[in-house]
Protein backbone atom coordinates (compact mmCIF):
# COMPACT_ATOMS: atom_id res chain seq x y z
CA MET A 1 -1.66 -19.18 -19.32
CA ALA A 2 -3.20 -18.60 -15.85
CA PRO A 3 -3.21 -15.12 -14.62
CA THR A 4 -1.10 -14.88 -11.43
CA MET A 5 -1.21 -10.84 -10.78
CA LEU A 6 -3.74 -8.48 -12.13
CA THR A 7 -0.97 -6.44 -13.39
CA SER A 8 -0.24 -8.40 -16.38
CA ARG A 9 -3.91 -8.14 -17.96
CA LEU A 10 -4.46 -4.62 -18.29
CA ALA A 11 -5.79 -2.59 -21.38
CA LEU A 12 -4.17 0.33 -23.03
CA VAL A 13 -5.61 3.64 -23.72
CA ASN A 14 -5.42 4.28 -27.40
CA SER A 15 -6.23 8.14 -26.79
CA PRO A 16 -6.88 10.42 -23.96
CA ALA A 17 -10.74 10.02 -24.62
CA GLN A 18 -11.15 6.49 -25.50
CA ALA A 19 -10.04 2.91 -24.02
CA ILE A 20 -9.21 -0.10 -25.81
CA LYS A 21 -10.10 -3.17 -23.82
CA SER A 22 -8.81 -6.60 -24.61
CA ALA A 23 -10.87 -9.67 -23.61
CA SER A 24 -8.70 -10.66 -20.77
CA ALA A 25 -8.41 -7.03 -19.37
CA SER A 26 -12.24 -6.64 -19.29
CA ARG A 27 -12.24 -9.61 -16.97
CA TYR A 28 -9.88 -7.96 -14.30
CA VAL A 29 -10.29 -4.29 -14.11
CA PRO A 30 -13.46 -2.47 -15.29
CA ASP A 31 -13.16 1.14 -16.75
CA ASP A 32 -14.65 2.80 -13.76
CA ALA A 33 -11.87 1.34 -11.24
CA TRP A 34 -9.29 2.63 -13.93
CA GLN A 35 -11.10 5.96 -13.70
CA HIS A 36 -10.99 5.71 -9.73
CA VAL A 37 -7.23 4.97 -10.04
CA ARG A 38 -6.74 8.06 -12.45
CA ARG A 39 -8.56 10.42 -10.09
CA SER A 40 -7.05 9.21 -6.92
CA LEU A 41 -3.41 9.29 -8.09
CA ARG A 42 -4.25 12.52 -10.05
CA LEU A 43 -3.03 11.06 -13.55
CA SER A 44 -4.02 12.70 -16.64
CA ASP A 45 -5.63 10.64 -19.37
CA ARG A 46 -2.36 10.38 -21.33
CA GLU A 47 -0.50 9.28 -18.08
CA LEU A 48 -3.13 6.69 -17.39
CA GLY A 49 -2.59 5.16 -20.81
CA ILE A 50 1.20 4.95 -19.95
CA VAL A 51 0.34 3.45 -16.53
CA GLN A 52 -1.75 0.90 -18.45
CA GLY A 53 0.77 0.12 -20.81
CA ILE A 54 3.29 -0.53 -18.04
CA PHE A 55 0.83 -2.80 -16.60
CA ALA A 56 0.51 -4.80 -19.71
CA ASP A 57 4.29 -5.13 -19.65
CA LYS A 58 4.77 -3.00 -22.69
CA GLU A 59 7.97 -1.58 -23.75
CA GLU A 60 8.19 2.32 -24.48
CA ASN A 61 8.02 1.68 -28.18
CA SER A 62 4.98 -0.41 -27.92
CA ILE A 63 3.36 2.09 -25.70
CA ALA A 64 4.22 5.10 -28.05
CA THR A 65 2.81 3.44 -31.28
CA THR A 66 -0.49 2.40 -29.37
CA LEU A 67 -1.01 6.11 -28.12
CA GLY A 68 0.55 7.59 -31.19
CA ILE A 69 3.11 9.65 -29.56
CA SER A 70 6.96 9.50 -29.63
CA ARG A 71 9.03 6.71 -27.31
CA GLU A 72 10.78 9.96 -25.88
CA LEU A 73 7.51 11.61 -24.82
CA VAL A 74 6.71 8.11 -23.04
CA TYR A 75 10.02 8.09 -21.41
CA ARG A 76 9.40 11.73 -20.10
CA LEU A 77 5.83 10.91 -19.03
CA THR A 78 7.08 7.97 -17.12
CA GLN A 79 9.66 9.78 -15.16
CA ARG A 80 6.86 12.38 -14.43
CA ILE A 81 4.53 9.78 -13.08
CA TYR A 82 7.43 8.48 -11.09
CA VAL A 83 8.13 11.85 -9.63
CA LYS A 84 4.31 12.56 -9.09
CA LEU A 85 3.87 9.35 -7.24
CA ARG A 86 7.23 9.54 -5.21
CA ILE A 87 8.30 6.17 -6.82
CA GLY A 88 11.16 5.08 -8.71
CA SER A 89 10.45 1.85 -10.90
CA ARG A 90 7.75 -0.03 -12.85
CA ARG A 91 7.45 -2.41 -9.98
CA GLU A 92 6.52 0.40 -7.49
CA LEU A 93 4.07 1.84 -10.02
CA LYS A 94 2.47 -1.67 -10.32
CA SER A 95 2.34 -2.09 -6.62
CA LYS A 96 0.67 1.47 -6.15
CA VAL A 97 -1.96 1.03 -8.63
CA GLU A 98 -2.72 -2.27 -7.39
CA SER A 99 -3.17 -0.92 -3.71
CA GLU A 100 -5.57 1.86 -5.29
CA TYR A 101 -7.35 -0.67 -7.03
CA LEU A 102 -7.97 -2.88 -4.31
CA ALA A 103 -9.07 -0.05 -2.14
CA TYR A 104 -11.49 0.93 -4.70
CA ALA A 105 -12.74 -2.71 -4.91
CA GLY A 106 -13.13 -2.89 -1.29
CA THR A 107 -15.29 0.12 -1.10
CA CYS A 108 -17.32 -1.05 -3.91
CA SER A 109 -18.01 -4.34 -1.91
CA THR A 110 -18.64 -2.63 1.29
CA ARG A 111 -21.31 -0.56 -0.64
CA VAL A 112 -22.87 -3.63 -2.22
CA MET A 113 -22.83 -5.68 1.25
CA ALA A 114 -24.63 -2.45 2.79
CA PHE A 115 -27.28 -2.27 0.38
CA HIS A 116 -28.10 -5.97 0.69
CA ALA A 117 -28.13 -5.77 4.51
CA ARG A 118 -30.99 -3.09 4.40
């Protein structure tokens, strides 16, 4: 299956302290990029796990099982994320996180180019 968007290939966070990465996810978004997204959007570790689940096109039940929390908590935290980011849908969430990731990737490549220009 050919990747069409980076949003369909991201890993889930198993617990607030530890990320589980699939082979396909590691090729698209490194851990440091996820941490940048988490910091820039002011997400908690648990909220980041839910965002990653949404990026992996997981349903609430699947995200809840992976994170070891209830489906209702996943729903409430998703609604909190929407309010925090002033958005209203999974599509808007994916777009917002992609924008943050691309901004981060752009600053990384700028730093690399500046280093090599010396």
